[in-house]
Amino acid sequence: MLPYTPLHHLLMDKFNAPLVMTSGNLSGEPQVISNADARAKLAQFVDGFVMHDRDIARRLDDSVERMTPRGPMILRHARGRVPDTCPLPSGFEDAPQILAMGGQMKGAFCLTRDGEALLSHHLGDLDDALTWDEYEKALGDYAALFEHRPERVAVDAHDGFRPTQAGRAMGLDVTPVHHHHAHLAACLGENGWPRDSGKVAAIVLDGLGLGPDGTLWGGELLLGDYEGFERVTWLQPAPLAGGDAAQREPWRNALVRLDAAGLAHMADRLFPDAPRALIRQACASGLNAPLSSSAGRLFDAVAAILGICPARQSHEAEAAMALEALAILAPTATPYATDDAPEIVVTPLFRAICADLEAGVDKALIAARFHSSLAEFFARPARRLLNEGRAEAVVLTGGCFQNVVLLEYMFRALRGARLLIHQKLPANDGSLAFGQALVACQDRKTLIQPSEQALGSR
């Protein structure tokens, strides 16, 4: 990062060497901002403190960005980028004041007023009680700063999320918005797509989000706009073995995909110390194993098969990031066999990957071919929607599009098509609230009713 305070410059002058910096917080908690809390929480693992006699009024994470062949990419929308407003697209000038609550992960909310939107800074995982306290404080700060008086609140359609529950308790009209529709709308809004323009083919690839059918989505091609959408193509669902544990332990995703491909012997060989029999029994009975079409879990499965942190990830998306880094080392790769059906069957993909692995093919090439295959899976039906005149452009959104290798393969597969991507706001859940706000601006009369299904996994 660049030094952005005088203290950074003084430290650099004294050390005259690279410094590694991170937030002062316990894992999963907000940053410590008082001298007393710093001593109480951090003293066990830091060597010293630089204290100040001025209190910190508000927590604010650093922004995280990367440069790509397609321009800048925002991974975390925070310091240096907030508070700032962006204009709503044409057609939204008279939209009511909306408060959009965002999702549970990478928490952020959005306010709209007078044809502008104000997306908050990154607040983190709202499962944590202290982070939720910060979310509520920030909500009050932004409302005062923007002189905001919402007429309607937009929430994620998952009723187990804290922001959804808080939004419903405000006593305002509520617009529930499905997770992947919010991703679609956020990318449209960032690119200034007018309200009355045609529909787009939206390739939405991420971890997990509740779909209208009550299942967990994450690998979809949608045809839609701000007002609505239909699901055109999706990844073959697989059980999330152990629910939330499947997000932490990549081997679980590899096992269910290998078993489905008739390669249980490979799973037994690759993960000899894992409780395979127990997981297989749970999946067979449907016990804590909800089905999901998640592209994120597909990345985890392939990474585990290639030996990348199969047992447990030390941080979110570690396996997928390592798989991307491996694929960068390979030359441009051709895809494995692809599937043209609405439900993309991935069993041939896993058979091909395992055949290459058995044949001693370089793992970097296998990783690259996987990225190329995933791009082709979705580019082909998206191009068909364009050719049929049903869509006017292709949207690439969802956290998986923070992966530069995937993004480049998608651009190659959709060469010549009009593509809309994220450059000013995160492709991940950090921009969900902006999309929710735009959907709520439609002021729909028929609202989605609360889901009766309590899902233990996201």
Protein backbone atom coordinates (compact mmCIF):
# COMPACT_ATOMS: atom_id res chain seq x y z
CA MET A 1 0.00 0.00 0.00
CA LEU A 2 1.03 3.62 -0.23
CA PRO A 3 1.81 5.53 3.00
CA TYR A 4 -1.18 7.79 3.58
CA THR A 5 -0.43 9.31 7.00
CA PRO A 6 2.59 11.23 8.34
CA LEU A 7 3.18 8.36 10.80
CA HIS A 8 3.63 5.94 7.91
CA HIS A 9 6.28 8.21 6.39
CA LEU A 10 8.13 8.52 9.71
CA LEU A 11 8.13 4.73 10.16
CA MET A 12 9.37 4.18 6.61
CA ASP A 13 12.18 6.69 7.16
CA LYS A 14 13.27 4.90 10.35
CA PHE A 15 13.08 1.32 8.99
CA ASN A 16 14.12 1.99 5.39
CA ALA A 17 12.66 -1.40 4.42
CA PRO A 18 9.28 -2.86 3.50
CA LEU A 19 6.78 -3.07 6.35
CA VAL A 20 3.84 -5.47 6.64
CA MET A 21 0.74 -3.86 8.15
CA THR A 22 -2.59 -5.27 9.21
CA SER A 23 -5.59 -4.11 11.19
CA GLY A 24 -5.27 -4.18 14.96
CA ASN A 25 -8.03 -6.63 15.81
CA LEU A 26 -8.73 -10.15 16.96
CA SER A 27 -9.76 -12.40 14.09
CA GLY A 28 -13.37 -11.75 13.08
CA GLU A 29 -13.73 -8.67 15.31
CA PRO A 30 -13.69 -4.97 14.31
CA GLN A 31 -10.45 -3.02 14.67
CA VAL A 32 -9.47 -1.86 18.14
CA ILE A 33 -9.74 1.94 18.33
CA SER A 34 -9.07 2.82 21.99
CA ASN A 35 -5.76 2.69 23.83
CA ALA A 36 -7.34 0.67 26.64
CA ASP A 37 -8.80 -1.93 24.29
CA ALA A 38 -5.48 -2.16 22.47
CA ARG A 39 -3.68 -3.03 25.70
CA ALA A 40 -6.37 -5.50 26.75
CA LYS A 41 -6.82 -7.32 23.44
CA LEU A 42 -3.53 -7.04 21.57
CA ALA A 43 -0.82 -7.06 24.25
CA GLN A 44 -0.34 -10.84 24.09
CA PHE A 45 0.96 -10.82 20.53
CA VAL A 46 2.41 -7.36 19.75
CA ASP A 47 5.81 -6.04 20.80
CA GLY A 48 4.83 -2.44 21.47
CA PHE A 49 2.29 0.33 20.99
CA VAL A 50 2.37 3.79 19.46
CA MET A 51 -0.34 5.60 21.42
CA HIS A 52 -2.04 8.93 20.77
CA ASP A 53 -3.94 11.34 23.00
CA ARG A 54 -6.75 11.81 20.44
CA ASP A 55 -9.49 9.20 20.39
CA ILE A 56 -10.49 7.53 17.12
CA ALA A 57 -14.12 8.40 16.43
CA ARG A 58 -14.99 5.83 13.77
CA ARG A 59 -13.54 2.57 12.53
CA LEU A 60 -12.65 2.45 8.84
CA ASP A 61 -10.90 -0.38 7.03
CA ASP A 62 -8.37 0.26 4.30
CA SER A 63 -9.67 -0.04 0.76
CA VAL A 64 -8.26 -2.97 -1.20
CA GLU A 65 -7.81 -2.69 -4.97
CA ARG A 66 -5.92 -4.45 -7.73
CA MET A 67 -4.98 -3.54 -11.27
CA THR A 68 -6.06 -5.91 -14.02
CA PRO A 69 -5.74 -5.96 -17.81
CA ARG A 70 -9.31 -4.61 -17.80
CA GLY A 71 -8.55 -1.71 -15.48
CA PRO A 72 -8.89 -1.17 -11.73
CA MET A 73 -10.79 -3.64 -9.58
CA ILE A 74 -12.18 -2.72 -6.15
CA LEU A 75 -12.06 -5.61 -3.68
CA ARG A 76 -12.96 -3.64 -0.55
CA HIS A 77 -14.79 -0.31 -0.70
CA ALA A 78 -13.55 1.71 2.30
CA ARG A 79 -10.92 4.30 3.23
CA GLY A 80 -10.38 6.94 0.55
CA ARG A 81 -13.58 6.01 -1.31
CA VAL A 82 -16.22 6.81 1.29
CA PRO A 83 -18.27 8.76 1.97
CA ASP A 84 -18.96 9.54 -1.66
CA THR A 85 -22.03 9.44 -3.86
CA CYS A 86 -22.63 8.10 -7.33
CA PRO A 87 -25.45 9.13 -9.67
CA LEU A 88 -28.33 6.76 -10.16
CA PRO A 89 -28.85 5.68 -13.79
CA SER A 90 -31.21 7.52 -16.09
CA GLY A 91 -34.82 6.88 -15.15
CA PHE A 92 -34.22 6.82 -11.40
CA GLU A 93 -34.23 10.60 -10.89
CA ASP A 94 -37.56 10.59 -9.06
CA ALA A 95 -36.94 7.43 -7.06
CA PRO A 96 -37.97 7.54 -3.38
CA GLN A 97 -35.47 7.61 -0.55
CA ILE A 98 -34.39 4.01 -0.03
CA LEU A 99 -32.36 2.34 2.69
CA ALA A 100 -30.82 -0.92 1.47
CA MET A 101 -29.39 -3.13 4.20
CA GLY A 102 -26.99 -5.33 2.20
CA GLY A 103 -26.02 -8.92 2.99
CA GLN A 104 -24.57 -10.80 5.93
CA MET A 105 -21.00 -11.12 4.63
CA LYS A 106 -18.91 -8.07 3.68
CA GLY A 107 -21.60 -5.95 5.29
CA ALA A 108 -22.39 -2.57 3.73
CA PHE A 109 -25.61 -0.56 3.33
CA CYS A 110 -26.75 2.00 0.77
CA LEU A 111 -28.85 5.17 0.92
CA THR A 112 -30.51 6.80 -2.08
CA ARG A 113 -31.74 10.36 -2.31
CA ASP A 114 -32.25 13.01 -5.03
CA GLY A 115 -30.97 10.78 -7.82
CA GLU A 116 -27.80 9.76 -5.96
CA ALA A 117 -26.66 6.70 -4.02
CA LEU A 118 -24.30 6.58 -1.06
CA LEU A 119 -22.75 3.15 -0.46
CA SER A 120 -21.22 2.72 2.97
CA HIS A 121 -17.75 1.46 3.73
CA HIS A 122 -16.95 -2.22 4.24
CA LEU A 123 -18.12 -3.32 7.69
CA GLY A 124 -17.25 -7.02 7.68
CA ASP A 125 -18.99 -10.24 8.66
CA LEU A 126 -22.18 -9.35 10.50
CA ASP A 127 -22.33 -12.70 12.31
CA ASP A 128 -19.99 -11.09 14.83
CA ALA A 129 -21.82 -9.11 17.54
CA LEU A 130 -19.21 -6.35 17.72
CA THR A 131 -19.27 -5.91 13.95
CA TRP A 132 -23.05 -5.64 14.07
CA ASP A 133 -22.72 -2.88 16.68
CA GLU A 134 -20.43 -1.01 14.27
CA TYR A 135 -22.94 -1.51 11.45
CA GLU A 136 -25.67 0.13 13.53
CA LYS A 137 -23.41 3.04 14.51
CA ALA A 138 -22.42 3.59 10.88
CA LEU A 139 -26.06 3.51 9.84
CA GLY A 140 -26.78 6.39 12.20
CA ASP A 141 -23.71 8.34 11.07
CA TYR A 142 -24.54 8.07 7.37
CA ALA A 143 -28.21 8.88 7.87
CA ALA A 144 -27.22 12.11 9.65
CA LEU A 145 -24.54 12.97 7.10
CA PHE A 146 -26.89 12.42 4.15
CA GLU A 147 -29.96 13.87 5.95
CA HIS A 148 -31.69 10.67 4.96
CA ARG A 149 -35.30 9.75 5.81
CA PRO A 150 -36.11 6.47 4.07
CA GLU A 151 -39.53 5.72 2.69
CA ARG A 152 -38.75 2.09 1.96
CA VAL A 153 -36.19 -0.47 3.08
CA ALA A 154 -34.62 -3.12 0.84
CA VAL A 155 -33.32 -6.36 2.35
CA ASP A 156 -31.87 -9.68 1.26
CA ALA A 157 -34.55 -12.35 0.83
CA HIS A 158 -32.78 -14.61 3.36
CA ASP A 159 -34.65 -14.10 6.63
CA GLY A 160 -31.81 -15.48 8.72
CA PHE A 161 -29.59 -12.49 7.97
CA ARG A 162 -29.23 -9.83 10.66
CA PRO A 163 -29.61 -6.90 8.23
CA THR A 164 -32.82 -8.45 6.88
CA GLN A 165 -34.26 -8.88 10.35
CA ALA A 166 -33.30 -5.32 11.33
CA GLY A 167 -34.76 -3.89 8.11
CA ARG A 168 -38.07 -5.68 8.63
CA ALA A 169 -38.25 -4.32 12.18
CA MET A 170 -38.08 -0.66 11.06
CA GLY A 171 -41.79 -0.33 10.37
CA LEU A 172 -41.26 0.76 6.73
CA ASP A 173 -42.43 -0.82 3.48
CA VAL A 174 -40.03 -3.66 2.74
CA THR A 175 -38.70 -4.89 -0.60
CA PRO A 176 -36.95 -8.26 -0.28
CA VAL A 177 -34.40 -8.74 -3.06
CA HIS A 178 -32.87 -12.06 -4.02
CA HIS A 179 -29.12 -12.19 -3.65
CA HIS A 180 -28.19 -12.72 -7.29
CA HIS A 181 -30.73 -10.20 -8.57
CA ALA A 182 -28.99 -7.65 -6.36
CA HIS A 183 -25.63 -8.58 -7.91
CA LEU A 184 -27.13 -8.13 -11.39
CA ALA A 185 -28.66 -4.75 -10.53
CA ALA A 186 -25.48 -3.49 -8.84
CA CYS A 187 -23.41 -4.08 -11.97
CA LEU A 188 -26.07 -2.48 -14.16
CA GLY A 189 -26.21 0.56 -11.89
CA GLU A 190 -22.44 0.97 -11.71
CA ASN A 191 -22.33 0.99 -15.50
CA GLY A 192 -25.16 3.55 -15.76
CA TRP A 193 -27.55 1.15 -17.51
CA PRO A 194 -30.76 3.21 -18.01
CA ARG A 195 -33.87 2.04 -16.23
CA ASP A 196 -35.84 1.57 -19.45
CA SER A 197 -33.09 -0.24 -21.39
CA GLY A 198 -33.39 -3.86 -22.44
CA LYS A 199 -32.54 -6.98 -20.51
CA VAL A 200 -29.05 -8.37 -20.02
CA ALA A 201 -27.52 -11.82 -19.73
CA ALA A 202 -25.99 -11.78 -16.24
CA ILE A 203 -23.35 -14.37 -15.38
CA VAL A 204 -23.39 -14.40 -11.57
CA LEU A 205 -20.68 -16.53 -9.96
CA ASP A 206 -20.07 -16.40 -6.23
CA GLY A 207 -20.16 -18.34 -2.99
CA LEU A 208 -23.77 -18.66 -1.95
CA GLY A 209 -27.07 -16.81 -2.03
CA LEU A 210 -30.68 -17.80 -1.50
CA GLY A 211 -32.61 -18.34 -4.73
CA PRO A 212 -36.36 -17.93 -5.24
CA ASP A 213 -36.77 -21.73 -5.20
CA GLY A 214 -35.45 -21.91 -1.63
CA THR A 215 -32.14 -23.49 -2.66
CA LEU A 216 -28.66 -22.01 -2.47
CA TRP A 217 -27.46 -20.54 -5.76
CA GLY A 218 -23.98 -19.42 -6.75
CA GLY A 219 -23.35 -20.35 -10.39
CA GLU A 220 -26.05 -18.83 -12.61
CA LEU A 221 -26.80 -17.23 -15.93
CA LEU A 222 -29.77 -14.91 -15.45
CA LEU A 223 -31.79 -12.98 -18.02
CA GLY A 224 -33.12 -9.84 -16.43
CA ASP A 225 -33.06 -6.16 -15.53
CA TYR A 226 -33.73 -4.00 -12.49
CA GLU A 227 -37.33 -5.20 -12.29
CA GLY A 228 -36.91 -8.95 -12.46
CA PHE A 229 -35.03 -11.97 -13.79
CA GLU A 230 -35.27 -15.57 -14.89
CA ARG A 231 -32.72 -18.31 -14.38
CA VAL A 232 -31.51 -19.63 -17.73
CA THR A 233 -28.46 -21.80 -16.93
CA TRP A 234 -26.91 -23.03 -13.69
CA LEU A 235 -24.23 -25.34 -12.37
CA GLN A 236 -25.25 -28.85 -11.42
CA PRO A 237 -26.01 -28.60 -7.67
CA ALA A 238 -24.03 -30.60 -5.12
CA PRO A 239 -24.48 -31.09 -1.37
CA LEU A 240 -22.69 -28.70 0.96
CA ALA A 241 -21.42 -31.47 3.20
CA GLY A 242 -21.59 -30.19 6.76
CA GLY A 243 -23.29 -26.90 5.84
CA ASP A 244 -21.01 -23.98 6.69
CA ALA A 245 -18.09 -26.40 7.17
CA ALA A 246 -18.05 -26.87 3.39
CA GLN A 247 -16.92 -23.25 3.04
CA ARG A 248 -13.99 -23.81 5.39
CA GLU A 249 -12.80 -27.27 4.30
CA PRO A 250 -12.28 -27.70 0.54
CA TRP A 251 -11.94 -31.50 0.69
CA ARG A 252 -15.67 -31.80 1.44
CA ASN A 253 -16.56 -30.20 -1.89
CA ALA A 254 -14.02 -32.34 -3.72
CA LEU A 255 -15.39 -35.52 -2.18
CA VAL A 256 -19.01 -34.90 -3.23
CA ARG A 257 -17.99 -33.90 -6.77
CA LEU A 258 -15.67 -36.90 -7.16
CA ASP A 259 -18.30 -39.29 -5.81
CA ALA A 260 -20.87 -37.89 -8.25
CA ALA A 261 -18.40 -38.44 -11.10
CA GLY A 262 -17.88 -42.09 -10.15
CA LEU A 263 -14.43 -41.33 -8.76
CA ALA A 264 -14.91 -42.22 -5.10
CA HIS A 265 -11.61 -44.13 -5.20
CA MET A 266 -9.83 -40.87 -6.05
CA ALA A 267 -11.40 -39.15 -3.04
CA ASP A 268 -10.31 -42.06 -0.84
CA ARG A 269 -6.76 -41.76 -2.10
CA LEU A 270 -6.55 -37.96 -1.97
CA PHE A 271 -8.15 -37.52 1.48
CA PRO A 272 -7.25 -40.65 3.46
CA ASP A 273 -7.50 -39.01 6.89
CA ALA A 274 -10.84 -37.24 6.34
CA PRO A 275 -14.08 -38.64 7.83
CA ARG A 276 -15.31 -39.71 4.40
CA ALA A 277 -17.82 -42.37 5.47
CA LEU A 278 -19.56 -39.97 7.85
CA ILE A 279 -19.82 -37.25 5.22
CA ARG A 280 -21.10 -39.67 2.59
CA GLN A 281 -23.76 -40.89 4.98
CA ALA A 282 -24.82 -37.33 5.78
CA CYS A 283 -25.06 -36.43 2.07
CA ALA A 284 -27.07 -39.56 1.29
CA SER A 285 -29.58 -38.74 4.03
CA GLY A 286 -29.61 -34.99 3.32
CA LEU A 287 -28.54 -34.26 6.89
CA ASN A 288 -26.95 -30.79 7.07
CA ALA A 289 -26.10 -31.07 3.39
CA PRO A 290 -28.20 -28.52 1.44
CA LEU A 291 -27.83 -28.55 -2.32
CA SER A 292 -26.02 -25.61 -3.92
CA SER A 293 -24.97 -24.55 -7.41
CA SER A 294 -22.10 -22.50 -5.95
CA ALA A 295 -19.22 -21.66 -8.29
CA GLY A 296 -17.12 -20.79 -5.25
CA ARG A 297 -17.42 -24.33 -3.92
CA LEU A 298 -16.50 -25.64 -7.38
CA PHE A 299 -13.22 -23.71 -7.12
CA ASP A 300 -12.67 -25.24 -3.68
CA ALA A 301 -13.24 -28.74 -5.03
CA VAL A 302 -10.75 -28.38 -7.88
CA ALA A 303 -8.19 -26.75 -5.58
CA ALA A 304 -8.46 -29.64 -3.11
CA ILE A 305 -8.02 -32.23 -5.86
CA LEU A 306 -4.81 -30.43 -6.88
CA GLY A 307 -3.60 -30.48 -3.28
CA ILE A 308 -4.23 -26.81 -2.44
CA CYS A 309 -5.09 -26.40 1.30
CA PRO A 310 -7.55 -29.32 1.15
CA ALA A 311 -8.01 -29.74 4.91
CA ARG A 312 -8.92 -26.22 6.01
CA GLN A 313 -8.66 -22.67 4.70
CA SER A 314 -6.99 -20.14 6.97
CA HIS A 315 -8.97 -17.27 5.42
CA GLU A 316 -11.89 -16.76 3.05
CA ALA A 317 -11.26 -17.87 -0.57
CA GLU A 318 -7.70 -19.04 0.20
CA ALA A 319 -8.09 -22.14 -2.00
CA ALA A 320 -9.64 -20.22 -4.91
CA MET A 321 -6.95 -17.53 -4.74
CA ALA A 322 -4.21 -20.14 -4.75
CA LEU A 323 -5.85 -21.88 -7.71
CA GLU A 324 -5.92 -18.56 -9.58
CA ALA A 325 -2.24 -17.96 -8.78
CA LEU A 326 -1.42 -21.44 -10.09
CA ALA A 327 -3.39 -20.89 -13.31
CA ILE A 328 -1.50 -17.64 -13.99
CA LEU A 329 1.66 -19.72 -14.44
CA ALA A 330 0.21 -21.61 -17.42
CA PRO A 331 -0.16 -20.41 -21.01
CA THR A 332 -3.62 -19.82 -22.43
CA ALA A 333 -5.45 -23.13 -22.10
CA THR A 334 -8.25 -24.77 -24.04
CA PRO A 335 -11.34 -25.78 -22.07
CA TYR A 336 -12.27 -29.31 -21.17
CA ALA A 337 -15.52 -30.64 -22.68
CA THR A 338 -18.45 -28.25 -22.06
CA ASP A 339 -22.17 -28.81 -21.57
CA ASP A 340 -24.98 -27.04 -23.43
CA ALA A 341 -27.88 -28.13 -21.16
CA PRO A 342 -29.63 -25.58 -18.90
CA GLU A 343 -28.17 -27.45 -15.92
CA ILE A 344 -24.44 -27.64 -16.51
CA VAL A 345 -23.35 -31.19 -15.62
CA VAL A 346 -19.80 -31.02 -14.28
CA THR A 347 -19.08 -34.73 -13.81
CA PRO A 348 -17.19 -34.90 -17.18
CA LEU A 349 -15.10 -31.93 -16.03
CA PHE A 350 -13.97 -33.76 -12.89
CA ARG A 351 -13.26 -36.95 -14.81
CA ALA A 352 -11.06 -34.98 -17.23
CA ILE A 353 -9.24 -33.18 -14.40
CA CYS A 354 -8.51 -36.47 -12.64
CA ALA A 355 -7.37 -38.10 -15.89
CA ASP A 356 -4.89 -35.24 -16.43
CA LEU A 357 -3.73 -35.49 -12.82
CA GLU A 358 -3.16 -39.25 -13.19
CA ALA A 359 -1.27 -38.67 -16.45
CA GLY A 360 1.13 -36.26 -14.75
CA VAL A 361 -0.07 -33.13 -16.55
CA ASP A 362 1.29 -29.94 -15.00
CA LYS A 363 -1.06 -28.74 -12.28
CA ALA A 364 -0.84 -25.16 -13.51
CA LEU A 365 -2.20 -26.26 -16.88
CA ILE A 366 -5.01 -28.21 -15.18
CA ALA A 367 -5.90 -25.11 -13.15
CA ALA A 368 -5.91 -22.97 -16.30
CA ARG A 369 -8.07 -25.46 -18.19
CA PHE A 370 -10.57 -25.42 -15.32
CA HIS A 371 -10.83 -21.61 -15.50
CA SER A 372 -11.23 -21.80 -19.27
CA SER A 373 -13.94 -24.45 -18.95
CA LEU A 374 -15.94 -22.48 -16.40
CA ALA A 375 -15.86 -19.44 -18.69
CA GLU A 376 -17.03 -21.51 -21.65
CA PHE A 377 -19.84 -23.11 -19.62
CA PHE A 378 -21.52 -19.73 -19.22
CA ALA A 379 -20.27 -17.77 -22.23
CA ARG A 380 -21.92 -20.11 -24.71
CA PRO A 381 -25.53 -19.73 -23.44
CA ALA A 382 -24.96 -16.01 -22.79
CA ARG A 383 -23.91 -15.50 -26.40
CA ARG A 384 -27.00 -17.41 -27.48
CA LEU A 385 -29.20 -14.93 -25.61
CA LEU A 386 -27.43 -12.09 -27.43
CA ASN A 387 -27.79 -13.76 -30.82
CA GLU A 388 -31.49 -14.39 -30.24
CA GLY A 389 -32.03 -10.73 -29.39
CA ARG A 390 -33.22 -11.54 -25.86
CA ALA A 391 -30.29 -9.72 -24.21
CA GLU A 392 -28.47 -6.51 -25.13
CA ALA A 393 -25.28 -7.04 -23.12
CA VAL A 394 -23.54 -9.48 -20.78
CA VAL A 395 -23.00 -8.68 -17.09
CA LEU A 396 -20.13 -10.33 -15.17
CA THR A 397 -20.74 -10.10 -11.44
CA GLY A 398 -20.29 -11.94 -8.15
CA GLY A 399 -17.20 -12.51 -6.02
CA CYS A 400 -15.67 -15.07 -8.41
CA PHE A 401 -15.07 -12.25 -10.89
CA GLN A 402 -12.38 -10.88 -8.59
CA ASN A 403 -10.40 -13.70 -10.18
CA VAL A 404 -8.42 -12.10 -13.02
CA VAL A 405 -7.76 -15.40 -14.79
CA LEU A 406 -11.48 -16.21 -14.93
CA LEU A 407 -12.24 -12.66 -16.06
CA GLU A 408 -9.75 -12.89 -18.92
CA TYR A 409 -11.04 -16.27 -20.10
CA MET A 410 -14.58 -14.88 -20.00
CA PHE A 411 -13.54 -11.90 -22.14
CA ARG A 412 -11.96 -14.27 -24.65
CA ALA A 413 -15.03 -16.50 -24.75
CA LEU A 414 -17.32 -13.47 -25.24
CA ARG A 415 -15.09 -11.57 -27.67
CA GLY A 416 -17.13 -8.97 -29.57
CA ALA A 417 -20.01 -8.89 -27.07
CA ARG A 418 -20.89 -5.84 -25.01
CA LEU A 419 -19.63 -6.63 -21.50
CA LEU A 420 -20.44 -4.85 -18.24
CA ILE A 421 -18.07 -5.41 -15.31
CA HIS A 422 -17.32 -3.88 -11.91
CA GLN A 423 -14.55 -1.27 -11.67
CA LYS A 424 -15.75 1.29 -9.10
CA LEU A 425 -17.62 -1.01 -6.70
CA PRO A 426 -16.79 -4.55 -5.56
CA ALA A 427 -18.03 -7.50 -7.61
CA ASN A 428 -18.49 -9.29 -4.28
CA ASP A 429 -21.19 -8.81 -1.64
CA GLY A 430 -19.82 -5.36 -0.82
CA SER A 431 -22.03 -3.87 -3.55
CA LEU A 432 -25.18 -5.91 -2.84
CA ALA A 433 -26.85 -2.99 -1.05
CA PHE A 434 -26.50 -0.77 -4.12
CA GLY A 435 -28.23 -3.41 -6.23
CA GLN A 436 -30.94 -3.87 -3.61
CA ALA A 437 -31.62 -0.13 -3.61
CA LEU A 438 -32.04 -0.04 -7.39
CA VAL A 439 -34.43 -2.98 -7.33
CA ALA A 440 -36.43 -1.36 -4.52
CA CYS A 441 -36.67 1.86 -6.52
CA GLN A 442 -39.03 -0.03 -8.81
CA ASP A 443 -41.50 0.30 -5.92
CA ARG A 444 -43.03 -3.06 -6.67
CA LYS A 445 -46.56 -3.62 -5.38
CA THR A 446 -46.26 -7.36 -4.93
CA LEU A 447 -43.55 -8.11 -2.40
CA ILE A 448 -41.82 -11.41 -1.81
CA GLN A 449 -43.05 -12.97 1.40
CA PRO A 450 -40.59 -14.05 4.10
CA SER A 451 -39.08 -17.47 3.48
CA GLU A 452 -40.37 -20.20 5.77
CA GLN A 453 -37.18 -22.14 5.31
CA ALA A 454 -34.40 -21.58 7.83
CA LEU A 455 -31.15 -22.34 6.04
CA GLY A 456 -28.14 -23.23 8.12
CA SER A 457 -25.65 -22.36 5.40
CA ARG A 458 -25.01 -19.43 3.09
